[in-house]
Amino acid sequence: MLSNSDIEALEDILFAEPWGDEALDFFGFHGAVCACVVGPTTLSVEAVFRLVTSTEETPSDGIPDIFRQCVTRLAGDMTRALDMGEDLELPEPEDGDPMNALENWCAGFVDTFMENEDEWLDAVSEEHTADLMVPMLTLSGLFDDEDFQNVRNSEKLSRQMADAIPDSLTDLYLLFHAPA
């Protein structure tokens, strides 16, 4: 579990120059790490950094230690929870708009999925994976698909999609990580 001071230090990195305008926030970071945990490919801390900051290169002075620690701790906590049969809990904003935070979380998750889409879809049943991805794809706000927009515009349907995410994450994890 990341402390508030860990999250603040992490966001200081995410919103720093030169990538601050393009970087994901904490919710997007959490979604990206979650996708690394439940998906078929493990990304290095450097790859996660490049993904969440939308940069091609890691900083010349290396990845900040707090970033590395946050990725490692969060991924470890998620893996332990899933291995214990627990649902993953998505972070809730202390203030502000919970649907915006969820959209950012889904965008981070989907960005990570798309970075490794071939592995996600080739690893096992493409159709089953796609079905499990629907809640995150829909709520990410990354697609102009009319059906996705209709769901996002309906509070009831958006809530149903949001409520489906923990089960989808568990099913994706089992799909890619359970013994055959």
C-alpha atoms as a PDB file:
ATOM      1  CA  MET A   1       0.000   0.000   0.000  1.00  0.00           C
ATOM      2  CA  LEU A   2       1.372   3.363  -0.941  1.00  0.00           C
ATOM      3  CA  SER A   3       1.272   6.105   1.662  1.00  0.00           C
ATOM      4  CA  ASN A   4       0.015   9.607   0.933  1.00  0.00           C
ATOM      5  CA  SER A   5       3.618  10.852   1.001  1.00  0.00           C
ATOM      6  CA  ASP A   6       4.608   8.136  -1.534  1.00  0.00           C
ATOM      7  CA  ILE A   7       1.765   9.244  -3.809  1.00  0.00           C
ATOM      8  CA  GLU A   8       2.754  12.914  -3.459  1.00  0.00           C
ATOM      9  CA  ALA A   9       6.403  12.115  -4.264  1.00  0.00           C
ATOM     10  CA  LEU A  10       5.289   9.989  -7.214  1.00  0.00           C
ATOM     11  CA  GLU A  11       3.079  12.758  -8.591  1.00  0.00           C
ATOM     12  CA  ASP A  12       5.956  15.229  -8.182  1.00  0.00           C
ATOM     13  CA  ILE A  13       7.898  12.982 -10.574  1.00  0.00           C
ATOM     14  CA  LEU A  14       4.975  12.452 -12.950  1.00  0.00           C
ATOM     15  CA  PHE A  15       4.216  16.164 -13.230  1.00  0.00           C
ATOM     16  CA  ALA A  16       7.866  17.256 -13.543  1.00  0.00           C
ATOM     17  CA  GLU A  17       9.387  18.813 -16.624  1.00  0.00           C
ATOM     18  CA  PRO A  18       9.778  17.843 -19.420  1.00  0.00           C
ATOM     19  CA  TRP A  19       6.988  15.231 -19.502  1.00  0.00           C
ATOM     20  CA  GLY A  20       4.528  16.695 -16.987  1.00  0.00           C
ATOM     21  CA  ASP A  21       1.985  17.751 -19.610  1.00  0.00           C
ATOM     22  CA  GLU A  22       1.829  14.278 -21.151  1.00  0.00           C
ATOM     23  CA  ALA A  23       2.247  12.100 -18.055  1.00  0.00           C
ATOM     24  CA  LEU A  24      -0.478  10.080 -16.382  1.00  0.00           C
ATOM     25  CA  ASP A  25      -1.571  11.040 -12.881  1.00  0.00           C
ATOM     26  CA  PHE A  26      -1.477   8.654  -9.898  1.00  0.00           C
ATOM     27  CA  PHE A  27      -4.695   6.952 -11.018  1.00  0.00           C
ATOM     28  CA  GLY A  28      -3.293   6.331 -14.498  1.00  0.00           C
ATOM     29  CA  PHE A  29      -0.034   5.115 -12.946  1.00  0.00           C
ATOM     30  CA  HIS A  30      -2.009   2.682 -10.759  1.00  0.00           C
ATOM     31  CA  GLY A  31      -3.882   1.407 -13.826  1.00  0.00           C
ATOM     32  CA  ALA A  32      -0.641   0.915 -15.757  1.00  0.00           C
ATOM     33  CA  VAL A  33       0.966  -1.048 -12.913  1.00  0.00           C
ATOM     34  CA  CYS A  34      -2.218  -3.101 -12.561  1.00  0.00           C
ATOM     35  CA  ALA A  35      -2.097  -4.021 -16.265  1.00  0.00           C
ATOM     36  CA  CYS A  36       1.525  -5.109 -15.801  1.00  0.00           C
ATOM     37  CA  VAL A  37       0.442  -7.384 -12.959  1.00  0.00           C
ATOM     38  CA  VAL A  38      -2.654  -8.977 -14.516  1.00  0.00           C
ATOM     39  CA  GLY A  39      -1.388  -9.142 -18.098  1.00  0.00           C
ATOM     40  CA  PRO A  40       0.849 -11.677 -19.810  1.00  0.00           C
ATOM     41  CA  THR A  41       3.969  -9.491 -19.984  1.00  0.00           C
ATOM     42  CA  THR A  42       6.046  -8.054 -17.204  1.00  0.00           C
ATOM     43  CA  LEU A  43       7.358  -4.590 -17.927  1.00  0.00           C
ATOM     44  CA  SER A  44      10.550  -3.282 -16.393  1.00  0.00           C
ATOM     45  CA  VAL A  45      10.378  -0.256 -14.127  1.00  0.00           C
ATOM     46  CA  GLU A  46      12.060   1.665 -16.949  1.00  0.00           C
ATOM     47  CA  ALA A  47       9.339   0.604 -19.404  1.00  0.00           C
ATOM     48  CA  VAL A  48       6.627   1.611 -16.914  1.00  0.00           C
ATOM     49  CA  PHE A  49       8.338   4.984 -16.473  1.00  0.00           C
ATOM     50  CA  ARG A  50       8.448   5.597 -20.225  1.00  0.00           C
ATOM     51  CA  LEU A  51       4.814   4.519 -20.553  1.00  0.00           C
ATOM     52  CA  VAL A  52       3.384   6.679 -17.763  1.00  0.00           C
ATOM     53  CA  THR A  53       5.458   9.750 -18.662  1.00  0.00           C
ATOM     54  CA  SER A  54       4.878   9.348 -22.424  1.00  0.00           C
ATOM     55  CA  THR A  55       8.586   9.720 -23.061  1.00  0.00           C
ATOM     56  CA  GLU A  56      10.855   7.667 -25.278  1.00  0.00           C
ATOM     57  CA  GLU A  57      13.857   7.668 -22.979  1.00  0.00           C
ATOM     58  CA  THR A  58      14.557   7.289 -19.305  1.00  0.00           C
ATOM     59  CA  PRO A  59      16.180  10.271 -17.569  1.00  0.00           C
ATOM     60  CA  SER A  60      19.956  10.506 -17.930  1.00  0.00           C
ATOM     61  CA  ASP A  61      20.294  10.320 -14.145  1.00  0.00           C
ATOM     62  CA  GLY A  62      18.127   7.183 -14.046  1.00  0.00           C
ATOM     63  CA  ILE A  63      14.693   6.364 -12.702  1.00  0.00           C
ATOM     64  CA  PRO A  64      14.051   8.100  -9.361  1.00  0.00           C
ATOM     65  CA  ASP A  65      14.240   5.670  -6.442  1.00  0.00           C
ATOM     66  CA  ILE A  66      10.758   6.582  -5.162  1.00  0.00           C
ATOM     67  CA  PHE A  67       9.265   5.769  -8.575  1.00  0.00           C
ATOM     68  CA  ARG A  68      11.032   2.394  -8.590  1.00  0.00           C
ATOM     69  CA  GLN A  69       9.873   1.702  -5.021  1.00  0.00           C
ATOM     70  CA  CYS A  70       6.260   2.654  -5.795  1.00  0.00           C
ATOM     71  CA  VAL A  71       6.106   0.385  -8.861  1.00  0.00           C
ATOM     72  CA  THR A  72       7.688  -2.526  -6.986  1.00  0.00           C
ATOM     73  CA  ARG A  73       5.550  -2.146  -3.856  1.00  0.00           C
ATOM     74  CA  LEU A  74       2.279  -1.611  -5.730  1.00  0.00           C
ATOM     75  CA  ALA A  75       2.898  -4.548  -8.098  1.00  0.00           C
ATOM     76  CA  GLY A  76       3.835  -6.781  -5.158  1.00  0.00           C
ATOM     77  CA  ASP A  77       0.718  -5.796  -3.196  1.00  0.00           C
ATOM     78  CA  MET A  78      -1.500  -6.456  -6.220  1.00  0.00           C
ATOM     79  CA  THR A  79       0.087  -9.831  -6.953  1.00  0.00           C
ATOM     80  CA  ARG A  80      -0.278 -10.937  -3.316  1.00  0.00           C
ATOM     81  CA  ALA A  81      -3.940  -9.880  -3.237  1.00  0.00           C
ATOM     82  CA  LEU A  82      -4.725 -11.732  -6.463  1.00  0.00           C
ATOM     83  CA  ASP A  83      -2.785 -14.820  -5.330  1.00  0.00           C
ATOM     84  CA  MET A  84      -4.880 -14.790  -2.128  1.00  0.00           C
ATOM     85  CA  GLY A  85      -8.099 -14.658  -4.176  1.00  0.00           C
ATOM     86  CA  GLU A  86      -8.892 -11.072  -3.205  1.00  0.00           C
ATOM     87  CA  ASP A  87     -10.340  -8.494  -5.565  1.00  0.00           C
ATOM     88  CA  LEU A  88      -8.108  -5.579  -6.429  1.00  0.00           C
ATOM     89  CA  GLU A  89      -9.306  -2.276  -5.063  1.00  0.00           C
ATOM     90  CA  LEU A  90      -9.020   0.723  -7.324  1.00  0.00           C
ATOM     91  CA  PRO A  91      -7.830   3.951  -5.737  1.00  0.00           C
ATOM     92  CA  GLU A  92     -10.504   6.436  -4.799  1.00  0.00           C
ATOM     93  CA  PRO A  93      -9.877  10.178  -4.980  1.00  0.00           C
ATOM     94  CA  GLU A  94      -9.969  11.991  -1.670  1.00  0.00           C
ATOM     95  CA  ASP A  95     -11.795  14.809  -3.369  1.00  0.00           C
ATOM     96  CA  GLY A  96     -12.839  15.639  -6.858  1.00  0.00           C
ATOM     97  CA  ASP A  97     -14.570  13.530  -9.445  1.00  0.00           C
ATOM     98  CA  PRO A  98     -14.462   9.741  -8.910  1.00  0.00           C
ATOM     99  CA  MET A  99     -15.479   9.065 -12.532  1.00  0.00           C
ATOM    100  CA  ASN A 100     -12.579  11.215 -13.778  1.00  0.00           C
ATOM    101  CA  ALA A 101     -10.194   9.253 -11.537  1.00  0.00           C
ATOM    102  CA  LEU A 102     -11.662   6.001 -12.869  1.00  0.00           C
ATOM    103  CA  GLU A 103     -11.283   7.218 -16.454  1.00  0.00           C
ATOM    104  CA  ASN A 104      -7.620   8.049 -15.767  1.00  0.00           C
ATOM    105  CA  TRP A 105      -7.108   4.632 -14.149  1.00  0.00           C
ATOM    106  CA  CYS A 106      -8.682   2.894 -17.153  1.00  0.00           C
ATOM    107  CA  ALA A 107      -6.591   4.993 -19.564  1.00  0.00           C
ATOM    108  CA  GLY A 108      -3.384   3.883 -17.814  1.00  0.00           C
ATOM    109  CA  PHE A 109      -4.526   0.267 -17.908  1.00  0.00           C
ATOM    110  CA  VAL A 110      -5.526   0.441 -21.585  1.00  0.00           C
ATOM    111  CA  ASP A 111      -2.312   2.276 -22.582  1.00  0.00           C
ATOM    112  CA  THR A 112      -0.324  -0.583 -21.049  1.00  0.00           C
ATOM    113  CA  PHE A 113      -2.529  -3.172 -22.752  1.00  0.00           C
ATOM    114  CA  MET A 114      -2.086  -1.457 -26.124  1.00  0.00           C
ATOM    115  CA  GLU A 115       1.682  -1.251 -25.639  1.00  0.00           C
ATOM    116  CA  ASN A 116       1.699  -5.073 -25.496  1.00  0.00           C
ATOM    117  CA  GLU A 117      -1.519  -5.865 -27.368  1.00  0.00           C
ATOM    118  CA  ASP A 118      -0.047  -8.739 -29.388  1.00  0.00           C
ATOM    119  CA  GLU A 119       1.043 -10.586 -26.254  1.00  0.00           C
ATOM    120  CA  TRP A 120      -2.316  -9.996 -24.565  1.00  0.00           C
ATOM    121  CA  LEU A 121      -4.284 -11.254 -27.538  1.00  0.00           C
ATOM    122  CA  ASP A 122      -1.934 -14.068 -28.618  1.00  0.00           C
ATOM    123  CA  ALA A 123      -1.328 -15.497 -25.173  1.00  0.00           C
ATOM    124  CA  VAL A 124      -4.724 -17.180 -24.839  1.00  0.00           C
ATOM    125  CA  SER A 125      -8.212 -16.757 -26.206  1.00  0.00           C
ATOM    126  CA  GLU A 126      -8.352 -13.425 -28.024  1.00  0.00           C
ATOM    127  CA  GLU A 127     -12.143 -13.248 -27.749  1.00  0.00           C
ATOM    128  CA  HIS A 128     -12.151 -13.988 -24.007  1.00  0.00           C
ATOM    129  CA  THR A 129      -9.437 -11.382 -23.384  1.00  0.00           C
ATOM    130  CA  ALA A 130     -11.340  -8.810 -25.442  1.00  0.00           C
ATOM    131  CA  ASP A 131     -14.544  -9.501 -23.488  1.00  0.00           C
ATOM    132  CA  LEU A 132     -12.729  -9.011 -20.178  1.00  0.00           C
ATOM    133  CA  MET A 133     -11.209  -5.756 -21.426  1.00  0.00           C
ATOM    134  CA  VAL A 134     -14.580  -4.155 -22.299  1.00  0.00           C
ATOM    135  CA  PRO A 135     -15.091  -2.273 -18.989  1.00  0.00           C
ATOM    136  CA  MET A 136     -11.617  -0.722 -19.082  1.00  0.00           C
ATOM    137  CA  LEU A 137     -11.768   0.040 -22.813  1.00  0.00           C
ATOM    138  CA  THR A 138     -15.208   1.622 -22.457  1.00  0.00           C
ATOM    139  CA  LEU A 139     -14.441   3.802 -19.448  1.00  0.00           C
ATOM    140  CA  SER A 140     -10.950   4.865 -20.577  1.00  0.00           C
ATOM    141  CA  GLY A 141     -12.292   7.655 -22.775  1.00  0.00           C
ATOM    142  CA  LEU A 142      -9.620   6.782 -25.347  1.00  0.00           C
ATOM    143  CA  PHE A 143     -12.042   5.672 -28.053  1.00  0.00           C
ATOM    144  CA  ASP A 144     -14.704   7.577 -29.968  1.00  0.00           C
ATOM    145  CA  ASP A 145     -16.807   4.450 -30.515  1.00  0.00           C
ATOM    146  CA  GLU A 146     -20.491   5.375 -30.304  1.00  0.00           C
ATOM    147  CA  ASP A 147     -21.370   2.401 -28.085  1.00  0.00           C
ATOM    148  CA  PHE A 148     -18.597   3.318 -25.637  1.00  0.00           C
ATOM    149  CA  GLN A 149     -19.784   6.939 -25.600  1.00  0.00           C
ATOM    150  CA  ASN A 150     -23.366   5.856 -24.927  1.00  0.00           C
ATOM    151  CA  VAL A 151     -22.229   3.822 -21.934  1.00  0.00           C
ATOM    152  CA  ARG A 152     -20.052   6.665 -20.618  1.00  0.00           C
ATOM    153  CA  ASN A 153     -22.996   9.077 -20.996  1.00  0.00           C
ATOM    154  CA  SER A 154     -25.244   6.836 -18.883  1.00  0.00           C
ATOM    155  CA  GLU A 155     -24.557   6.996 -15.159  1.00  0.00           C
ATOM    156  CA  LYS A 156     -26.192   3.601 -14.638  1.00  0.00           C
ATOM    157  CA  LEU A 157     -24.238   1.855 -17.408  1.00  0.00           C
ATOM    158  CA  SER A 158     -20.983   3.525 -16.374  1.00  0.00           C
ATOM    159  CA  ARG A 159     -21.497   2.311 -12.809  1.00  0.00           C
ATOM    160  CA  GLN A 160     -22.192  -1.229 -14.067  1.00  0.00           C
ATOM    161  CA  MET A 161     -18.965  -1.158 -16.077  1.00  0.00           C
ATOM    162  CA  ALA A 162     -17.035   0.223 -13.097  1.00  0.00           C
ATOM    163  CA  ASP A 163     -18.491  -2.472 -10.846  1.00  0.00           C
ATOM    164  CA  ALA A 164     -17.368  -5.146 -13.340  1.00  0.00           C
ATOM    165  CA  ILE A 165     -13.711  -4.068 -13.283  1.00  0.00           C
ATOM    166  CA  PRO A 166     -12.536  -6.005 -10.177  1.00  0.00           C
ATOM    167  CA  ASP A 167     -13.941  -9.297 -11.538  1.00  0.00           C
ATOM    168  CA  SER A 168     -12.437  -8.580 -14.964  1.00  0.00           C
ATOM    169  CA  LEU A 169      -9.031  -7.976 -13.365  1.00  0.00           C
ATOM    170  CA  THR A 170      -9.198 -11.224 -11.412  1.00  0.00           C
ATOM    171  CA  ASP A 171     -10.296 -13.147 -14.513  1.00  0.00           C
ATOM    172  CA  LEU A 172      -7.510 -11.611 -16.613  1.00  0.00           C
ATOM    173  CA  TYR A 173      -4.970 -12.491 -13.938  1.00  0.00           C
ATOM    174  CA  LEU A 174      -6.194 -16.083 -13.809  1.00  0.00           C
ATOM    175  CA  LEU A 175      -6.302 -16.291 -17.589  1.00  0.00           C
ATOM    176  CA  PHE A 176      -2.641 -15.339 -17.895  1.00  0.00           C
ATOM    177  CA  HIS A 177      -1.170 -16.641 -14.642  1.00  0.00           C
ATOM    178  CA  ALA A 178      -3.116 -19.677 -13.431  1.00  0.00           C
ATOM    179  CA  PRO A 179      -1.475 -23.041 -14.076  1.00  0.00           C
ATOM    180  CA  ALA A 180      -2.839 -24.702 -17.187  1.00  0.00           C
END
